[in-house]
Amino acid sequence: MLGWNHRRFVLYDSNVEDIARDVADGCPMFPVLAREEDKTLDTVRRICRWLLREGADRDATIVAVGGGLTTDIAGFVAAIYKRGVRCVYVPTTLLAMVDAAYGGKTGVNLDGFKNMVGVFRKPDKVIIRTQYLKTLPEREYVSGAVELVKTFLVTNPTLYRKAIEAVSSRSDLSGLIRKAARTKRRIVWWDPEEKGSRRKLNLGHTYGHAIEWLQQQKGKPGRYSHGEAVAMGIVRAARLALERHKTDEAFVNGLVEDFRRCGFPTELPYPEEELKMAIDADKKSKGGRVRFVFPVRTGQVEIGKL
């Protein structure tokens, strides 16, 4: 299936074991719990020890089968194990197919803060099989659909409108998935380490990550998925843009209507003051202020300070 001659070591989301066994075809397998609380350096250490016991050398290929959490961990392991081995992603969620599998950002959480320890490391290959989406739960669909819509919101008004129509009617997304993947690959190619234009893809993530951090602190991990948190963050960013006269009410109201049609949450679940600590600690903070993406209109954003 993979077309690789090197020995494979499969890291897989424990929820997709059947798919992983098909991909592994008898190769060693290691299950990963797809939970933010397990996305830690302890998990990385356990995987590295497993690779060592299995005899993985510098010619090994790590194959990640699962969603973005699994590919984040696998990519990080591939970057640091024996100073770097090959890595292949087989994303099984919509979120991973349109976003996580192509960004080249890998890493794990630290003290509840998302992706605080990591490196930039692109996979050597990404294998997309949209048939894996047929049994995807509704919340997982919504989470990935948010990132699909966001990609076009910041880059392409025509595809944004097509994405809203397709997601709201739950139509086939195969063509849009491939277009979103190509868009992200192109942006990442031009700005692999997020020092320029790639920053616009962080739209919604400052508040999104804060929501994810806060729900974990409140003992409610998973209350909102990554995509749901980002959707609320995008709407909040649009309202902040309106307050700062960067956009108009028509754009903000239209965005909220589009998101509600798609089944995306639009209102912050926690008071602004409760989110501030997490926002201030966000890894995008620089010079005491947080770099922030403001949506101005469909296909255009402005990067400024929060």
Protein backbone atom coordinates (compact mmCIF):
# COMPACT_ATOMS: atom_id res chain seq x y z
CA MET A 1 0.00 0.00 0.00
CA LEU A 2 2.71 2.49 0.97
CA GLY A 3 5.29 1.62 -1.65
CA TRP A 4 8.18 1.92 0.81
CA ASN A 5 10.99 -0.60 1.11
CA HIS A 6 12.05 0.53 4.57
CA ARG A 7 10.85 -1.24 7.67
CA ARG A 8 7.64 0.34 8.98
CA PHE A 9 6.59 1.07 12.55
CA VAL A 10 2.94 2.04 12.83
CA LEU A 11 1.68 4.50 15.45
CA TYR A 12 -2.10 4.48 15.37
CA ASP A 13 -5.13 5.97 17.05
CA SER A 14 -6.61 3.13 19.10
CA ASN A 15 -10.04 3.98 17.63
CA VAL A 16 -8.98 2.97 14.11
CA GLU A 17 -7.18 -0.29 14.79
CA ASP A 18 -8.76 -2.10 11.82
CA ILE A 19 -7.47 0.52 9.39
CA ALA A 20 -4.07 0.47 11.09
CA ARG A 21 -3.77 -3.31 10.79
CA ASP A 22 -4.50 -3.07 7.09
CA VAL A 23 -1.82 -0.40 6.68
CA ALA A 24 0.71 -2.21 8.89
CA ASP A 25 0.38 -5.50 7.03
CA GLY A 26 2.21 -7.35 9.80
CA CYS A 27 4.61 -4.56 10.82
CA PRO A 28 4.99 -3.57 14.50
CA MET A 29 2.15 -1.41 15.85
CA PHE A 30 1.83 0.94 18.82
CA PRO A 31 -1.57 2.33 19.94
CA VAL A 32 -1.93 6.01 20.81
CA LEU A 33 -4.83 7.30 22.89
CA ALA A 34 -6.30 10.21 20.94
CA ARG A 35 -6.74 12.46 23.98
CA GLU A 36 -5.15 15.82 24.65
CA GLU A 37 -4.21 14.72 28.17
CA ASP A 38 -2.11 11.91 26.64
CA LYS A 39 -0.39 14.16 24.12
CA THR A 40 2.66 14.55 26.33
CA LEU A 41 6.39 13.97 26.58
CA ASP A 42 5.65 10.85 28.62
CA THR A 43 3.87 9.37 25.61
CA VAL A 44 6.81 10.33 23.39
CA ARG A 45 9.22 8.59 25.75
CA ARG A 46 7.12 5.42 25.73
CA ILE A 47 7.05 5.39 21.95
CA CYS A 48 10.80 5.94 21.67
CA ARG A 49 11.47 3.09 24.08
CA TRP A 50 9.14 0.86 22.06
CA LEU A 51 11.00 1.76 18.84
CA LEU A 52 14.30 0.94 20.53
CA ARG A 53 13.02 -2.46 21.72
CA GLU A 54 11.71 -3.21 18.24
CA GLY A 55 15.09 -2.50 16.72
CA ALA A 56 14.11 0.61 14.73
CA ASP A 57 17.24 2.11 13.17
CA ARG A 58 18.00 5.21 11.10
CA ASP A 59 16.37 3.61 8.04
CA ALA A 60 13.03 3.08 9.80
CA THR A 61 9.78 4.67 8.63
CA ILE A 62 7.19 5.74 11.19
CA VAL A 63 3.66 5.52 9.83
CA ALA A 64 0.98 7.54 11.61
CA VAL A 65 -2.58 6.29 11.20
CA GLY A 66 -5.23 8.49 12.76
CA GLY A 67 -6.15 12.12 13.25
CA GLY A 68 -4.15 15.26 13.88
CA LEU A 69 -3.25 14.35 17.43
CA THR A 70 -1.68 11.10 16.25
CA THR A 71 0.20 12.74 13.39
CA ASP A 72 1.46 15.50 15.71
CA ILE A 73 2.96 12.94 18.08
CA ALA A 74 4.28 10.68 15.33
CA GLY A 75 5.91 13.56 13.47
CA PHE A 76 7.61 14.76 16.65
CA VAL A 77 8.90 11.26 17.40
CA ALA A 78 10.15 10.90 13.82
CA ALA A 79 12.02 14.20 14.14
CA ILE A 80 13.84 13.32 17.36
CA TYR A 81 14.29 9.52 17.35
CA LYS A 82 17.91 8.82 16.40
CA ARG A 83 18.06 12.44 15.20
CA GLY A 84 15.41 11.84 12.58
CA VAL A 85 13.76 9.01 10.65
CA ARG A 86 11.24 8.91 7.82
CA CYS A 87 7.58 9.58 8.49
CA VAL A 88 4.39 8.83 6.53
CA TYR A 89 0.91 10.04 7.47
CA VAL A 90 -2.31 8.15 6.76
CA PRO A 91 -4.94 10.61 8.09
CA THR A 92 -8.30 9.09 8.99
CA THR A 93 -10.17 12.25 10.06
CA LEU A 94 -11.37 15.21 8.04
CA LEU A 95 -9.38 17.56 10.25
CA ALA A 96 -6.14 15.73 9.55
CA MET A 97 -6.86 15.42 5.83
CA VAL A 98 -7.32 19.16 5.33
CA ASP A 99 -5.00 20.57 7.97
CA ALA A 100 -2.83 18.62 10.41
CA ALA A 101 -1.22 16.27 7.89
CA TYR A 102 0.34 19.08 5.84
CA GLY A 103 1.43 21.76 8.26
CA GLY A 104 4.75 20.26 9.26
CA LYS A 105 4.12 21.41 12.84
CA THR A 106 4.64 18.58 15.30
CA GLY A 107 4.70 18.43 19.05
CA VAL A 108 3.02 17.70 22.35
CA ASN A 109 1.34 19.62 25.15
CA LEU A 110 2.99 20.85 28.32
CA ASP A 111 1.12 21.55 31.57
CA GLY A 112 -2.14 21.72 29.66
CA PHE A 113 -0.92 24.23 27.07
CA LYS A 114 -1.24 23.01 23.49
CA ASN A 115 1.82 22.11 21.42
CA MET A 116 4.31 23.89 23.67
CA VAL A 117 7.09 21.40 22.83
CA GLY A 118 7.68 20.58 19.19
CA VAL A 119 9.53 21.08 15.92
CA PHE A 120 8.76 21.82 12.30
CA ARG A 121 8.96 18.52 10.43
CA LYS A 122 7.12 17.75 7.19
CA PRO A 123 6.04 14.15 6.52
CA ASP A 124 7.80 12.35 3.69
CA LYS A 125 4.45 11.28 2.30
CA VAL A 126 0.72 11.76 2.98
CA ILE A 127 -1.78 9.15 1.84
CA ILE A 128 -5.38 10.37 1.59
CA ARG A 129 -8.24 7.85 1.54
CA THR A 130 -11.54 9.72 1.78
CA GLN A 131 -13.43 6.44 2.28
CA TYR A 132 -12.20 6.53 5.88
CA LEU A 133 -14.62 9.41 6.47
CA LYS A 134 -17.76 7.33 5.88
CA THR A 135 -18.03 6.30 9.53
CA LEU A 136 -16.77 9.59 11.00
CA PRO A 137 -18.90 10.77 13.96
CA GLU A 138 -20.75 14.07 13.52
CA ARG A 139 -18.54 15.99 15.97
CA GLU A 140 -15.40 14.81 14.19
CA TYR A 141 -16.96 15.88 10.88
CA VAL A 142 -17.73 19.34 12.24
CA SER A 143 -14.24 19.70 13.71
CA GLY A 144 -12.62 19.02 10.36
CA ALA A 145 -15.16 21.04 8.42
CA VAL A 146 -14.27 24.14 10.44
CA GLU A 147 -10.65 23.92 9.29
CA LEU A 148 -11.78 23.28 5.71
CA VAL A 149 -13.98 26.38 5.76
CA LYS A 150 -11.27 28.42 7.53
CA THR A 151 -8.70 27.61 4.84
CA PHE A 152 -10.93 29.10 2.17
CA LEU A 153 -12.13 31.95 4.39
CA VAL A 154 -8.58 33.30 4.47
CA THR A 155 -7.61 32.46 0.87
CA ASN A 156 -10.46 32.03 -1.63
CA PRO A 157 -13.96 33.60 -1.54
CA THR A 158 -15.33 31.33 -4.27
CA LEU A 159 -14.22 28.12 -2.59
CA TYR A 160 -15.36 29.47 0.78
CA ARG A 161 -18.90 29.81 -0.54
CA LYS A 162 -18.75 26.33 -2.08
CA ALA A 163 -17.48 24.91 1.21
CA ILE A 164 -20.30 26.54 3.20
CA GLU A 165 -22.89 25.09 0.84
CA ALA A 166 -21.32 21.62 0.86
CA VAL A 167 -20.86 21.45 4.63
CA SER A 168 -24.30 22.86 5.48
CA SER A 169 -25.95 20.26 3.22
CA ARG A 170 -23.51 17.51 4.28
CA SER A 171 -22.57 16.92 0.64
CA ASP A 172 -19.49 15.05 -0.57
CA LEU A 173 -16.34 16.99 0.31
CA SER A 174 -13.76 14.96 -1.62
CA GLY A 175 -12.97 17.67 -4.17
CA LEU A 176 -12.82 20.43 -1.55
CA ILE A 177 -10.59 18.31 0.68
CA ARG A 178 -8.01 18.02 -2.09
CA LYS A 179 -8.23 21.74 -2.89
CA ALA A 180 -7.77 22.63 0.79
CA ALA A 181 -4.80 20.27 1.06
CA ARG A 182 -3.18 21.84 -2.02
CA THR A 183 -3.79 25.31 -0.64
CA LYS A 184 -2.16 24.49 2.68
CA ARG A 185 0.77 22.72 1.04
CA ARG A 186 1.41 25.78 -1.11
CA ILE A 187 1.31 28.18 1.84
CA VAL A 188 3.55 25.90 3.92
CA TRP A 189 6.02 25.58 1.06
CA TRP A 190 6.42 29.37 0.89
CA ASP A 191 6.55 29.83 4.67
CA PRO A 192 7.52 26.53 6.35
CA GLU A 193 8.35 28.02 9.76
CA GLU A 194 5.39 30.40 10.04
CA LYS A 195 7.33 33.64 9.83
CA GLY A 196 5.12 35.37 7.28
CA SER A 197 2.03 34.60 5.22
CA ARG A 198 1.41 31.26 6.90
CA ARG A 199 0.37 33.06 10.05
CA LYS A 200 -3.02 33.79 8.48
CA LEU A 201 -3.91 30.10 8.85
CA ASN A 202 -3.91 30.68 12.62
CA LEU A 203 -7.23 32.51 12.32
CA GLY A 204 -9.37 31.52 15.29
CA HIS A 205 -6.63 29.59 17.03
CA THR A 206 -5.70 32.09 19.76
CA TYR A 207 -9.14 31.90 21.32
CA GLY A 208 -9.54 28.30 20.20
CA HIS A 209 -6.48 27.14 22.11
CA ALA A 210 -7.56 29.19 25.12
CA ILE A 211 -10.93 27.43 25.15
CA GLU A 212 -9.23 24.04 24.94
CA TRP A 213 -6.87 24.93 27.77
CA LEU A 214 -9.62 26.27 30.01
CA GLN A 215 -11.95 23.32 29.55
CA GLN A 216 -9.14 21.04 30.63
CA GLN A 217 -8.46 23.17 33.69
CA LYS A 218 -12.13 22.90 34.59
CA GLY A 219 -11.97 19.10 34.37
CA LYS A 220 -13.96 18.95 31.15
CA PRO A 221 -11.47 17.83 28.49
CA GLY A 222 -13.12 17.23 25.16
CA ARG A 223 -16.18 19.34 25.91
CA TYR A 224 -15.40 21.16 22.69
CA SER A 225 -13.35 19.67 19.88
CA HIS A 226 -10.44 21.54 18.34
CA GLY A 227 -12.54 22.58 15.35
CA GLU A 228 -15.44 23.73 17.49
CA ALA A 229 -13.08 25.84 19.60
CA VAL A 230 -11.54 27.35 16.46
CA ALA A 231 -15.00 28.18 15.07
CA MET A 232 -15.81 30.17 18.20
CA GLY A 233 -12.38 31.78 17.98
CA ILE A 234 -12.97 32.86 14.38
CA VAL A 235 -16.26 34.54 15.27
CA ARG A 236 -14.63 36.29 18.24
CA ALA A 237 -11.81 37.47 15.96
CA ALA A 238 -14.37 38.86 13.51
CA ARG A 239 -16.14 40.75 16.28
CA LEU A 240 -12.84 42.17 17.49
CA ALA A 241 -12.10 43.25 13.92
CA LEU A 242 -15.44 45.05 13.88
CA GLU A 243 -14.70 46.77 17.19
CA ARG A 244 -11.40 48.00 15.74
CA HIS A 245 -13.04 49.19 12.53
CA LYS A 246 -11.20 46.68 10.37
CA THR A 247 -14.41 45.22 8.93
CA ASP A 248 -18.16 45.88 8.87
CA GLU A 249 -21.30 44.42 10.41
CA ALA A 250 -22.42 42.80 7.15
CA PHE A 251 -19.31 40.62 7.06
CA VAL A 252 -19.56 39.61 10.72
CA ASN A 253 -23.29 38.86 10.54
CA GLY A 254 -22.82 36.87 7.33
CA LEU A 255 -20.02 34.86 8.89
CA VAL A 256 -22.11 34.00 11.95
CA GLU A 257 -25.03 32.98 9.73
CA ASP A 258 -22.77 30.77 7.60
CA PHE A 259 -21.29 29.06 10.66
CA ARG A 260 -24.69 28.42 12.20
CA ARG A 261 -25.92 26.89 8.94
CA CYS A 262 -22.97 24.50 9.07
CA GLY A 263 -23.65 23.55 12.68
CA PHE A 264 -20.56 25.34 14.04
CA PRO A 265 -20.72 26.92 17.52
CA THR A 266 -20.36 30.70 17.43
CA GLU A 267 -20.45 31.99 21.01
CA LEU A 268 -17.60 31.83 23.52
CA PRO A 269 -18.33 29.27 26.25
CA TYR A 270 -16.37 31.11 28.93
CA PRO A 271 -16.15 34.78 29.98
CA GLU A 272 -13.43 36.85 28.33
CA GLU A 273 -11.59 37.37 31.60
CA GLU A 274 -11.34 33.61 32.19
CA LEU A 275 -9.70 33.12 28.80
CA LYS A 276 -7.14 35.89 29.24
CA MET A 277 -4.54 33.87 31.15
CA ALA A 278 -4.41 31.19 28.48
CA ILE A 279 -4.30 33.77 25.71
CA ASP A 280 -1.41 35.59 27.39
CA ALA A 281 0.51 32.30 27.59
CA ASP A 282 -0.18 31.43 23.97
CA LYS A 283 2.97 30.39 22.11
CA LYS A 284 2.33 33.07 19.48
CA SER A 285 2.93 35.78 22.08
CA LYS A 286 5.86 38.03 21.28
CA GLY A 287 7.10 41.04 23.20
CA GLY A 288 4.33 40.72 25.75
CA ARG A 289 1.56 40.95 23.14
CA VAL A 290 -0.20 38.23 21.19
CA ARG A 291 0.08 38.11 17.40
CA PHE A 292 -3.52 37.93 16.22
CA VAL A 293 -5.33 37.25 12.94
CA PHE A 294 -8.29 39.53 12.17
CA PRO A 295 -10.68 38.52 9.36
CA VAL A 296 -11.46 41.59 7.27
CA ARG A 297 -13.56 40.08 4.50
CA THR A 298 -13.85 36.74 2.76
CA GLY A 299 -10.41 35.96 1.35
CA GLN A 300 -8.61 38.65 3.33
CA VAL A 301 -7.21 38.81 6.86
CA GLU A 302 -4.99 41.25 8.71
CA ILE A 303 -2.29 40.21 11.17
CA GLY A 304 -1.86 42.51 14.14
CA LYS A 305 -1.62 42.62 17.91
CA LEU A 306 -4.38 41.62 20.29
